[in-house]
Amino acid sequence: MAYMRGDWYTYRTSSAAGEEVLVCAWVTPERIPMETFDALVVMRYAQLQEEGTVEEVERQAVGFYAGNFGCDALCRKVGVPDTIQIIERITEKMSQADREAEPGGV
């Protein structure tokens, strides 16, 4: 199933193992414009809505990609820490460990 054709050809197919894969081919050596990428995302999102799998895919995406700034909006949507919150928590734990390691520490 093709999503778009032209300078950017993107389609969904099955791999040799039988799993669905997304294939992207760029005909030109240029980077894909954000408007084109956004159109692809919106088309796929509409399919996920029809299939009733948006929440499942959101959980998978957060599980794999939380900690990447590109996943932050999704993290906030589903109520898990975004990248800055993760960094702040790690920094606090490190500071606490430093305080505890000091003579007479907490």
PDB file of N, CA and C in Angstrom:
ATOM      1  N   MET A   1       0.845  -1.166   0.000  1.00  0.00           N
ATOM      2  CA  MET A   1       0.000   0.000   0.000  1.00  0.00           C
ATOM      3  C   MET A   1       0.894   1.232   0.000  1.00  0.00           C
ATOM      4  N   ALA A   2       0.754   2.059  -0.998  1.00  0.00           N
ATOM      5  CA  ALA A   2       1.568   3.265  -1.100  1.00  0.00           C
ATOM      6  C   ALA A   2       0.939   4.402  -0.302  1.00  0.00           C
ATOM      7  N   TYR A   3       1.768   5.144   0.418  1.00  0.00           N
ATOM      8  CA  TYR A   3       1.328   6.349   1.113  1.00  0.00           C
ATOM      9  C   TYR A   3       1.563   7.576   0.247  1.00  0.00           C
ATOM     10  N   MET A   4       2.693   7.597  -0.440  1.00  0.00           N
ATOM     11  CA  MET A   4       3.012   8.737  -1.292  1.00  0.00           C
ATOM     12  C   MET A   4       3.941   8.280  -2.399  1.00  0.00           C
ATOM     13  N   ARG A   5       3.860   8.974  -3.515  1.00  0.00           N
ATOM     14  CA  ARG A   5       4.704   8.684  -4.667  1.00  0.00           C
ATOM     15  C   ARG A   5       5.296   9.989  -5.174  1.00  0.00           C
ATOM     16  N   GLY A   6       6.395   9.882  -5.856  1.00  0.00           N
ATOM     17  CA  GLY A   6       7.060  11.067  -6.391  1.00  0.00           C
ATOM     18  C   GLY A   6       8.505  11.049  -5.945  1.00  0.00           C
ATOM     19  N   ASP A   7       9.009  12.199  -5.483  1.00  0.00           N
ATOM     20  CA  ASP A   7      10.387  12.259  -4.996  1.00  0.00           C
ATOM     21  C   ASP A   7      10.578  11.394  -3.748  1.00  0.00           C
ATOM     22  N   TRP A   8       9.500  11.183  -2.999  1.00  0.00           N
ATOM     23  CA  TRP A   8       9.537  10.344  -1.806  1.00  0.00           C
ATOM     24  C   TRP A   8       8.485   9.274  -1.986  1.00  0.00           C
ATOM     25  N   TYR A   9       8.928   8.041  -2.060  1.00  0.00           N
ATOM     26  CA  TYR A   9       8.016   6.922  -2.267  1.00  0.00           C
ATOM     27  C   TYR A   9       7.997   6.120  -0.978  1.00  0.00           C
ATOM     28  N   THR A  10       6.852   6.022  -0.356  1.00  0.00           N
ATOM     29  CA  THR A  10       6.725   5.346   0.920  1.00  0.00           C
ATOM     30  C   THR A  10       5.575   4.367   0.835  1.00  0.00           C
ATOM     31  N   TYR A  11       5.817   3.122   1.242  1.00  0.00           N
ATOM     32  CA  TYR A  11       4.748   2.141   1.199  1.00  0.00           C
ATOM     33  C   TYR A  11       4.912   1.105   2.299  1.00  0.00           C
ATOM     34  N   ARG A  12       3.818   0.404   2.579  1.00  0.00           N
ATOM     35  CA  ARG A  12       3.781  -0.637   3.592  1.00  0.00           C
ATOM     36  C   ARG A  12       3.700  -1.974   2.875  1.00  0.00           C
ATOM     37  N   THR A  13       4.488  -2.938   3.351  1.00  0.00           N
ATOM     38  CA  THR A  13       4.514  -4.252   2.720  1.00  0.00           C
ATOM     39  C   THR A  13       4.841  -5.301   3.775  1.00  0.00           C
ATOM     40  N   SER A  14       5.017  -6.528   3.367  1.00  0.00           N
ATOM     41  CA  SER A  14       5.393  -7.604   4.283  1.00  0.00           C
ATOM     42  C   SER A  14       6.846  -7.994   4.049  1.00  0.00           C
ATOM     43  N   SER A  15       7.546  -8.291   5.132  1.00  0.00           N
ATOM     44  CA  SER A  15       8.935  -8.742   5.014  1.00  0.00           C
ATOM     45  C   SER A  15       8.946 -10.231   4.697  1.00  0.00           C
ATOM     46  N   ALA A  16      10.125 -10.774   4.481  1.00  0.00           N
ATOM     47  CA  ALA A  16      10.260 -12.204   4.210  1.00  0.00           C
ATOM     48  C   ALA A  16       9.757 -13.032   5.394  1.00  0.00           C
ATOM     49  N   ALA A  17       9.842 -12.458   6.597  1.00  0.00           N
ATOM     50  CA  ALA A  17       9.377 -13.162   7.798  1.00  0.00           C
ATOM     51  C   ALA A  17       7.876 -13.010   8.006  1.00  0.00           C
ATOM     52  N   GLY A  18       7.212 -12.259   7.117  1.00  0.00           N
ATOM     53  CA  GLY A  18       5.771 -12.101   7.214  1.00  0.00           C
ATOM     54  C   GLY A  18       5.303 -10.937   8.064  1.00  0.00           C
ATOM     55  N   GLU A  19       6.238 -10.145   8.605  1.00  0.00           N
ATOM     56  CA  GLU A  19       5.833  -8.992   9.408  1.00  0.00           C
ATOM     57  C   GLU A  19       5.685  -7.771   8.515  1.00  0.00           C
ATOM     58  N   GLU A  20       4.767  -6.863   8.912  1.00  0.00           N
ATOM     59  CA  GLU A  20       4.569  -5.646   8.133  1.00  0.00           C
ATOM     60  C   GLU A  20       5.744  -4.700   8.337  1.00  0.00           C
ATOM     61  N   VAL A  21       6.199  -4.090   7.268  1.00  0.00           N
ATOM     62  CA  VAL A  21       7.288  -3.128   7.339  1.00  0.00           C
ATOM     63  C   VAL A  21       6.935  -1.904   6.505  1.00  0.00           C
ATOM     64  N   LEU A  22       7.534  -0.782   6.855  1.00  0.00           N
ATOM     65  CA  LEU A  22       7.366   0.449   6.090  1.00  0.00           C
ATOM     66  C   LEU A  22       8.646   0.675   5.309  1.00  0.00           C
ATOM     67  N   VAL A  23       8.524   0.850   4.021  1.00  0.00           N
ATOM     68  CA  VAL A  23       9.667   1.069   3.158  1.00  0.00           C
ATOM     69  C   VAL A  23       9.620   2.514   2.676  1.00  0.00           C
ATOM     70  N   CYS A  24      10.740   3.216   2.826  1.00  0.00           N
ATOM     71  CA  CYS A  24      10.834   4.596   2.359  1.00  0.00           C
ATOM     72  C   CYS A  24      11.977   4.678   1.359  1.00  0.00           C
ATOM     73  N   ALA A  25      11.704   5.256   0.206  1.00  0.00           N
ATOM     74  CA  ALA A  25      12.732   5.438  -0.806  1.00  0.00           C
ATOM     75  C   ALA A  25      12.719   6.894  -1.229  1.00  0.00           C
ATOM     76  N   TRP A  26      13.887   7.520  -1.187  1.00  0.00           N
ATOM     77  CA  TRP A  26      13.999   8.904  -1.610  1.00  0.00           C
ATOM     78  C   TRP A  26      14.622   8.909  -2.991  1.00  0.00           C
ATOM     79  N   VAL A  27      13.908   9.448  -3.950  1.00  0.00           N
ATOM     80  CA  VAL A  27      14.388   9.483  -5.321  1.00  0.00           C
ATOM     81  C   VAL A  27      15.460  10.555  -5.468  1.00  0.00           C
ATOM     82  N   THR A  28      15.333  11.612  -4.706  1.00  0.00           N
ATOM     83  CA  THR A  28      16.307  12.696  -4.767  1.00  0.00           C
ATOM     84  C   THR A  28      17.203  12.618  -3.532  1.00  0.00           C
ATOM     85  N   PRO A  29      18.410  13.154  -3.633  1.00  0.00           N
ATOM     86  CA  PRO A  29      19.318  13.093  -2.481  1.00  0.00           C
ATOM     87  C   PRO A  29      18.984  14.124  -1.392  1.00  0.00           C
ATOM     88  N   GLU A  30      17.927  14.871  -1.574  1.00  0.00           N
ATOM     89  CA  GLU A  30      17.562  15.904  -0.599  1.00  0.00           C
ATOM     90  C   GLU A  30      16.924  15.284   0.642  1.00  0.00           C
ATOM     91  N   ARG A  31      16.889  16.066   1.680  1.00  0.00           N
ATOM     92  CA  ARG A  31      16.171  15.646   2.884  1.00  0.00           C
ATOM     93  C   ARG A  31      14.681  15.761   2.629  1.00  0.00           C
ATOM     94  N   ILE A  32      13.919  14.949   3.343  1.00  0.00           N
ATOM     95  CA  ILE A  32      12.461  14.997   3.177  1.00  0.00           C
ATOM     96  C   ILE A  32      11.932  16.240   3.888  1.00  0.00           C
ATOM     97  N   PRO A  33      11.135  17.050   3.213  1.00  0.00           N
ATOM     98  CA  PRO A  33      10.576  18.242   3.860  1.00  0.00           C
ATOM     99  C   PRO A  33       9.638  17.844   5.017  1.00  0.00           C
ATOM    100  N   MET A  34       9.605  18.669   6.025  1.00  0.00           N
ATOM    101  CA  MET A  34       8.775  18.385   7.194  1.00  0.00           C
ATOM    102  C   MET A  34       7.308  18.245   6.803  1.00  0.00           C
ATOM    103  N   GLU A  35       6.847  19.034   5.856  1.00  0.00           N
ATOM    104  CA  GLU A  35       5.445  18.950   5.425  1.00  0.00           C
ATOM    105  C   GLU A  35       5.142  17.572   4.838  1.00  0.00           C
ATOM    106  N   THR A  36       6.092  17.012   4.103  1.00  0.00           N
ATOM    107  CA  THR A  36       5.916  15.681   3.514  1.00  0.00           C
ATOM    108  C   THR A  36       5.906  14.619   4.603  1.00  0.00           C
ATOM    109  N   PHE A  37       6.834  14.720   5.539  1.00  0.00           N
ATOM    110  CA  PHE A  37       6.890  13.773   6.651  1.00  0.00           C
ATOM    111  C   PHE A  37       5.607  13.860   7.485  1.00  0.00           C
ATOM    112  N   ASP A  38       5.155  15.078   7.760  1.00  0.00           N
ATOM    113  CA  ASP A  38       3.919  15.258   8.527  1.00  0.00           C
ATOM    114  C   ASP A  38       2.730  14.614   7.824  1.00  0.00           C
ATOM    115  N   ALA A  39       2.669  14.743   6.503  1.00  0.00           N
ATOM    116  CA  ALA A  39       1.573  14.128   5.741  1.00  0.00           C
ATOM    117  C   ALA A  39       1.604  12.615   5.895  1.00  0.00           C
ATOM    118  N   LEU A  40       2.781  12.018   5.852  1.00  0.00           N
ATOM    119  CA  LEU A  40       2.920  10.575   6.040  1.00  0.00           C
ATOM    120  C   LEU A  40       2.448  10.163   7.437  1.00  0.00           C
ATOM    121  N   VAL A  41       2.860  10.917   8.440  1.00  0.00           N
ATOM    122  CA  VAL A  41       2.466  10.612   9.817  1.00  0.00           C
ATOM    123  C   VAL A  41       0.946  10.682   9.967  1.00  0.00           C
ATOM    124  N   VAL A  42       0.325  11.699   9.409  1.00  0.00           N
ATOM    125  CA  VAL A  42      -1.122  11.863   9.533  1.00  0.00           C
ATOM    126  C   VAL A  42      -1.866  10.736   8.816  1.00  0.00           C
ATOM    127  N   MET A  43      -1.372  10.332   7.657  1.00  0.00           N
ATOM    128  CA  MET A  43      -2.016   9.221   6.947  1.00  0.00           C
ATOM    129  C   MET A  43      -1.942   7.937   7.775  1.00  0.00           C
ATOM    130  N   ARG A  44      -0.780   7.667   8.337  1.00  0.00           N
ATOM    131  CA  ARG A  44      -0.625   6.449   9.147  1.00  0.00           C
ATOM    132  C   ARG A  44      -1.455   6.537  10.423  1.00  0.00           C
ATOM    133  N   TYR A  45      -1.516   7.716  11.039  1.00  0.00           N
ATOM    134  CA  TYR A  45      -2.311   7.890  12.253  1.00  0.00           C
ATOM    135  C   TYR A  45      -3.789   7.603  11.976  1.00  0.00           C
ATOM    136  N   ALA A  46      -4.290   8.048  10.846  1.00  0.00           N
ATOM    137  CA  ALA A  46      -5.682   7.783  10.487  1.00  0.00           C
ATOM    138  C   ALA A  46      -5.930   6.278  10.370  1.00  0.00           C
ATOM    139  N   GLN A  47      -4.967   5.550   9.818  1.00  0.00           N
ATOM    140  CA  GLN A  47      -5.108   4.099   9.729  1.00  0.00           C
ATOM    141  C   GLN A  47      -5.130   3.465  11.120  1.00  0.00           C
ATOM    142  N   LEU A  48      -4.258   3.923  11.995  1.00  0.00           N
ATOM    143  CA  LEU A  48      -4.225   3.389  13.358  1.00  0.00           C
ATOM    144  C   LEU A  48      -5.547   3.648  14.076  1.00  0.00           C
ATOM    145  N   GLN A  49      -6.136   4.820  13.839  1.00  0.00           N
ATOM    146  CA  GLN A  49      -7.434   5.117  14.432  1.00  0.00           C
ATOM    147  C   GLN A  49      -8.487   4.151  13.926  1.00  0.00           C
ATOM    148  N   GLU A  50      -8.521   3.914  12.619  1.00  0.00           N
ATOM    149  CA  GLU A  50      -9.481   2.971  12.052  1.00  0.00           C
ATOM    150  C   GLU A  50      -9.299   1.574  12.624  1.00  0.00           C
ATOM    151  N   GLU A  51      -8.055   1.188  12.846  1.00  0.00           N
ATOM    152  CA  GLU A  51      -7.737  -0.140  13.371  1.00  0.00           C
ATOM    153  C   GLU A  51      -7.955  -0.231  14.878  1.00  0.00           C
ATOM    154  N   GLY A  52      -8.095   0.914  15.535  1.00  0.00           N
ATOM    155  CA  GLY A  52      -8.264   0.933  16.988  1.00  0.00           C
ATOM    156  C   GLY A  52      -6.992   0.593  17.749  1.00  0.00           C
ATOM    157  N   THR A  53      -5.835   0.905  17.163  1.00  0.00           N
ATOM    158  CA  THR A  53      -4.564   0.539  17.786  1.00  0.00           C
ATOM    159  C   THR A  53      -3.707   1.722  18.220  1.00  0.00           C
ATOM    160  N   VAL A  54      -4.271   2.926  18.233  1.00  0.00           N
ATOM    161  CA  VAL A  54      -3.474   4.110  18.573  1.00  0.00           C
ATOM    162  C   VAL A  54      -2.852   3.975  19.964  1.00  0.00           C
ATOM    163  N   GLU A  55      -3.639   3.615  20.975  1.00  0.00           N
ATOM    164  CA  GLU A  55      -3.109   3.535  22.338  1.00  0.00           C
ATOM    165  C   GLU A  55      -2.021   2.475  22.457  1.00  0.00           C
ATOM    166  N   GLU A  56      -2.186   1.353  21.793  1.00  0.00           N
ATOM    167  CA  GLU A  56      -1.164   0.304  21.818  1.00  0.00           C
ATOM    168  C   GLU A  56       0.147   0.805  21.219  1.00  0.00           C
ATOM    169  N   VAL A  57       0.045   1.499  20.106  1.00  0.00           N
ATOM    170  CA  VAL A  57       1.243   2.024  19.441  1.00  0.00           C
ATOM    171  C   VAL A  57       1.870   3.140  20.282  1.00  0.00           C
ATOM    172  N   GLU A  58       1.046   3.946  20.936  1.00  0.00           N
ATOM    173  CA  GLU A  58       1.586   4.977  21.832  1.00  0.00           C
ATOM    174  C   GLU A  58       2.413   4.335  22.943  1.00  0.00           C
ATOM    175  N   ARG A  59       1.898   3.284  23.548  1.00  0.00           N
ATOM    176  CA  ARG A  59       2.640   2.590  24.620  1.00  0.00           C
ATOM    177  C   ARG A  59       3.961   2.034  24.096  1.00  0.00           C
ATOM    178  N   GLN A  60       3.922   1.440  22.916  1.00  0.00           N
ATOM    179  CA  GLN A  60       5.151   0.899  22.330  1.00  0.00           C
ATOM    180  C   GLN A  60       6.157   2.006  22.058  1.00  0.00           C
ATOM    181  N   ALA A  61       5.688   3.108  21.493  1.00  0.00           N
ATOM    182  CA  ALA A  61       6.582   4.222  21.166  1.00  0.00           C
ATOM    183  C   ALA A  61       7.232   4.793  22.425  1.00  0.00           C
ATOM    184  N   VAL A  62       6.435   4.981  23.468  1.00  0.00           N
ATOM    185  CA  VAL A  62       6.984   5.500  24.719  1.00  0.00           C
ATOM    186  C   VAL A  62       7.975   4.495  25.305  1.00  0.00           C
ATOM    187  N   GLY A  63       7.648   3.211  25.231  1.00  0.00           N
ATOM    188  CA  GLY A  63       8.544   2.185  25.757  1.00  0.00           C
ATOM    189  C   GLY A  63       9.894   2.165  25.052  1.00  0.00           C
ATOM    190  N   PHE A  64       9.896   2.393  23.749  1.00  0.00           N
ATOM    191  CA  PHE A  64      11.134   2.361  22.979  1.00  0.00           C
ATOM    192  C   PHE A  64      11.856   3.699  22.947  1.00  0.00           C
ATOM    193  N   TYR A  65      11.122   4.809  22.928  1.00  0.00           N
ATOM    194  CA  TYR A  65      11.735   6.086  22.579  1.00  0.00           C
ATOM    195  C   TYR A  65      11.660   7.172  23.648  1.00  0.00           C
ATOM    196  N   ALA A  66      11.073   6.895  24.812  1.00  0.00           N
ATOM    197  CA  ALA A  66      11.087   7.887  25.891  1.00  0.00           C
ATOM    198  C   ALA A  66      12.548   8.224  26.199  1.00  0.00           C
ATOM    199  N   GLY A  67      12.820   9.483  26.431  1.00  0.00           N
ATOM    200  CA  GLY A  67      14.190   9.929  26.642  1.00  0.00           C
ATOM    201  C   GLY A  67      14.757  10.602  25.403  1.00  0.00           C
ATOM    202  N   ASN A  68      14.056  10.497  24.295  1.00  0.00           N
ATOM    203  CA  ASN A  68      14.403  11.232  23.086  1.00  0.00           C
ATOM    204  C   ASN A  68      13.471  12.437  23.012  1.00  0.00           C
ATOM    205  N   PHE A  69      14.015  13.599  22.729  1.00  0.00           N
ATOM    206  CA  PHE A  69      13.194  14.805  22.717  1.00  0.00           C
ATOM    207  C   PHE A  69      12.020  14.710  21.748  1.00  0.00           C
ATOM    208  N   GLY A  70      12.161  13.973  20.663  1.00  0.00           N
ATOM    209  CA  GLY A  70      11.075  13.814  19.702  1.00  0.00           C
ATOM    210  C   GLY A  70       9.883  13.056  20.249  1.00  0.00           C
ATOM    211  N   CYS A  71      10.065  12.364  21.369  1.00  0.00           N
ATOM    212  CA  CYS A  71       8.985  11.590  21.981  1.00  0.00           C
ATOM    213  C   CYS A  71       8.342  12.335  23.160  1.00  0.00           C
ATOM    214  N   ASP A  72       8.856  13.518  23.492  1.00  0.00           N
ATOM    215  CA  ASP A  72       8.391  14.220  24.688  1.00  0.00           C
ATOM    216  C   ASP A  72       6.901  14.547  24.685  1.00  0.00           C
ATOM    217  N   ALA A  73       6.359  15.025  23.580  1.00  0.00           N
ATOM    218  CA  ALA A  73       4.935  15.365  23.546  1.00  0.00           C
ATOM    219  C   ALA A  73       4.089  14.125  23.810  1.00  0.00           C
ATOM    220  N   LEU A  74       4.489  12.996  23.255  1.00  0.00           N
ATOM    221  CA  LEU A  74       3.760  11.750  23.487  1.00  0.00           C
ATOM    222  C   LEU A  74       3.893  11.308  24.947  1.00  0.00           C
ATOM    223  N   CYS A  75       5.071  11.454  25.519  1.00  0.00           N
ATOM    224  CA  CYS A  75       5.264  11.119  26.935  1.00  0.00           C
ATOM    225  C   CYS A  75       4.330  11.943  27.813  1.00  0.00           C
ATOM    226  N   ARG A  76       4.266  13.245  27.543  1.00  0.00           N
ATOM    227  CA  ARG A  76       3.376  14.106  28.332  1.00  0.00           C
ATOM    228  C   ARG A  76       1.924  13.701  28.127  1.00  0.00           C
ATOM    229  N   LYS A  77       1.554  13.314  26.905  1.00  0.00           N
ATOM    230  CA  LYS A  77       0.178  12.915  26.601  1.00  0.00           C
ATOM    231  C   LYS A  77      -0.239  11.699  27.415  1.00  0.00           C
ATOM    232  N   VAL A  78       0.660  10.727  27.546  1.00  0.00           N
ATOM    233  CA  VAL A  78       0.302   9.489  28.249  1.00  0.00           C
ATOM    234  C   VAL A  78       0.699   9.514  29.724  1.00  0.00           C
ATOM    235  N   GLY A  79       1.312  10.623  30.168  1.00  0.00           N
ATOM    236  CA  GLY A  79       1.587  10.795  31.594  1.00  0.00           C
ATOM    237  C   GLY A  79       2.848  10.137  32.114  1.00  0.00           C
ATOM    238  N   VAL A  80       3.874  10.029  31.263  1.00  0.00           N
ATOM    239  CA  VAL A  80       5.157   9.515  31.739  1.00  0.00           C
ATOM    240  C   VAL A  80       6.192  10.632  31.629  1.00  0.00           C
ATOM    241  N   PRO A  81       7.305  10.530  32.382  1.00  0.00           N
ATOM    242  CA  PRO A  81       8.306  11.597  32.364  1.00  0.00           C
ATOM    243  C   PRO A  81       8.866  11.842  30.967  1.00  0.00           C
ATOM    244  N   ASP A  82       9.007  13.134  30.629  1.00  0.00           N
ATOM    245  CA  ASP A  82       9.652  13.485  29.366  1.00  0.00           C
ATOM    246  C   ASP A  82      11.157  13.581  29.597  1.00  0.00           C
ATOM    247  N   THR A  83      11.908  13.937  28.564  1.00  0.00           N
ATOM    248  CA  THR A  83      13.368  13.921  28.638  1.00  0.00           C
ATOM    249  C   THR A  83      13.906  14.814  29.746  1.00  0.00           C
ATOM    250  N   ILE A  84      13.410  16.027  29.851  1.00  0.00           N
ATOM    251  CA  ILE A  84      13.892  16.938  30.894  1.00  0.00           C
ATOM    252  C   ILE A  84      13.586  16.373  32.281  1.00  0.00           C
ATOM    253  N   GLN A  85      12.404  15.822  32.473  1.00  0.00           N
ATOM    254  CA  GLN A  85      12.052  15.230  33.759  1.00  0.00           C
ATOM    255  C   GLN A  85      12.956  14.041  34.079  1.00  0.00           C
ATOM    256  N   ILE A  86      13.276  13.241  33.073  1.00  0.00           N
ATOM    257  CA  ILE A  86      14.189  12.107  33.287  1.00  0.00           C
ATOM    258  C   ILE A  86      15.557  12.618  33.708  1.00  0.00           C
ATOM    259  N   ILE A  87      16.058  13.650  33.015  1.00  0.00           N
ATOM    260  CA  ILE A  87      17.364  14.227  33.355  1.00  0.00           C
ATOM    261  C   ILE A  87      17.337  14.807  34.763  1.00  0.00           C
ATOM    262  N   GLU A  88      16.257  15.517  35.104  1.00  0.00           N
ATOM    263  CA  GLU A  88      16.149  16.097  36.450  1.00  0.00           C
ATOM    264  C   GLU A  88      16.155  15.009  37.518  1.00  0.00           C
ATOM    265  N   ARG A  89      15.459  13.905  37.280  1.00  0.00           N
ATOM    266  CA  ARG A  89      15.427  12.803  38.254  1.00  0.00           C
ATOM    267  C   ARG A  89      16.803  12.167  38.412  1.00  0.00           C
ATOM    268  N   ILE A  90      17.504  11.971  37.304  1.00  0.00           N
ATOM    269  CA  ILE A  90      18.850  11.392  37.371  1.00  0.00           C
ATOM    270  C   ILE A  90      19.784  12.339  38.111  1.00  0.00           C
ATOM    271  N   THR A  91      19.695  13.633  37.810  1.00  0.00           N
ATOM    272  CA  THR A  91      20.537  14.634  38.468  1.00  0.00           C
ATOM    273  C   THR A  91      20.274  14.650  39.972  1.00  0.00           C
ATOM    274  N   GLU A  92      19.009  14.586  40.362  1.00  0.00           N
ATOM    275  CA  GLU A  92      18.665  14.578  41.791  1.00  0.00           C
ATOM    276  C   GLU A  92      19.218  13.332  42.480  1.00  0.00           C
ATOM    277  N   LYS A  93      19.097  12.179  41.830  1.00  0.00           N
ATOM    278  CA  LYS A  93      19.639  10.940  42.415  1.00  0.00           C
ATOM    279  C   LYS A  93      21.153  11.025  42.569  1.00  0.00           C
ATOM    280  N   MET A  94      21.828  11.617  41.573  1.00  0.00           N
ATOM    281  CA  MET A  94      23.276  11.768  41.653  1.00  0.00           C
ATOM    282  C   MET A  94      23.655  12.722  42.775  1.00  0.00           C
ATOM    283  N   SER A  95      22.904  13.807  42.912  1.00  0.00           N
ATOM    284  CA  SER A  95      23.178  14.772  43.979  1.00  0.00           C
ATOM    285  C   SER A  95      22.960  14.139  45.338  1.00  0.00           C
ATOM    286  N   GLN A  96      21.897  13.356  45.459  1.00  0.00           N
ATOM    287  CA  GLN A  96      21.610  12.667  46.718  1.00  0.00           C
ATOM    288  C   GLN A  96      22.722  11.678  47.048  1.00  0.00           C
ATOM    289  N   ALA A  97      23.190  10.948  46.049  1.00  0.00           N
ATOM    290  CA  ALA A  97      24.284   9.995  46.269  1.00  0.00           C
ATOM    291  C   ALA A  97      25.548  10.719  46.703  1.00  0.00           C
ATOM    292  N   ASP A  98      25.814  11.890  46.103  1.00  0.00           N
ATOM    293  CA  ASP A  98      26.983  12.691  46.493  1.00  0.00           C
ATOM    294  C   ASP A  98      26.859  13.149  47.934  1.00  0.00           C
ATOM    295  N   ARG A  99      25.657  13.604  48.325  1.00  0.00           N
ATOM    296  CA  ARG A  99      25.441  14.064  49.700  1.00  0.00           C
ATOM    297  C   ARG A  99      25.629  12.916  50.682  1.00  0.00           C
ATOM    298  N   GLU A 100      25.145  11.745  50.325  1.00  0.00           N
ATOM    299  CA  GLU A 100      25.264  10.591  51.214  1.00  0.00           C
ATOM    300  C   GLU A 100      26.703  10.108  51.328  1.00  0.00           C
ATOM    301  N   ALA A 101      27.509  10.332  50.281  1.00  0.00           N
ATOM    302  CA  ALA A 101      28.906   9.895  50.288  1.00  0.00           C
ATOM    303  C   ALA A 101      29.796  10.826  51.094  1.00  0.00           C
ATOM    304  N   GLU A 102      29.322  12.055  51.343  1.00  0.00           N
ATOM    305  CA  GLU A 102      30.121  13.013  52.122  1.00  0.00           C
ATOM    306  C   GLU A 102      30.185  12.563  53.576  1.00  0.00           C
ATOM    307  N   PRO A 103      31.315  12.854  54.235  1.00  0.00           N
ATOM    308  CA  PRO A 103      31.404  12.542  55.675  1.00  0.00           C
ATOM    309  C   PRO A 103      30.272  13.244  56.419  1.00  0.00           C
ATOM    310  N   GLY A 104      29.545  12.487  57.224  1.00  0.00           N
ATOM    311  CA  GLY A 104      28.417  13.046  57.958  1.00  0.00           C
ATOM    312  C   GLY A 104      27.208  13.270  57.081  1.00  0.00           C
ATOM    313  N   GLY A 105      27.213  12.633  55.864  1.00  0.00           N
ATOM    314  CA  GLY A 105      26.103  12.809  54.906  1.00  0.00           C
ATOM    315  C   GLY A 105      24.814  12.196  55.425  1.00  0.00           C
ATOM    316  N   VAL A 106      23.751  12.500  54.736  1.00  0.00           N
ATOM    317  CA  VAL A 106      22.409  12.078  55.129  1.00  0.00           C
ATOM    318  C   VAL A 106      22.288  10.575  55.126  1.00  0.00           C
TER     319      VAL A 106
END
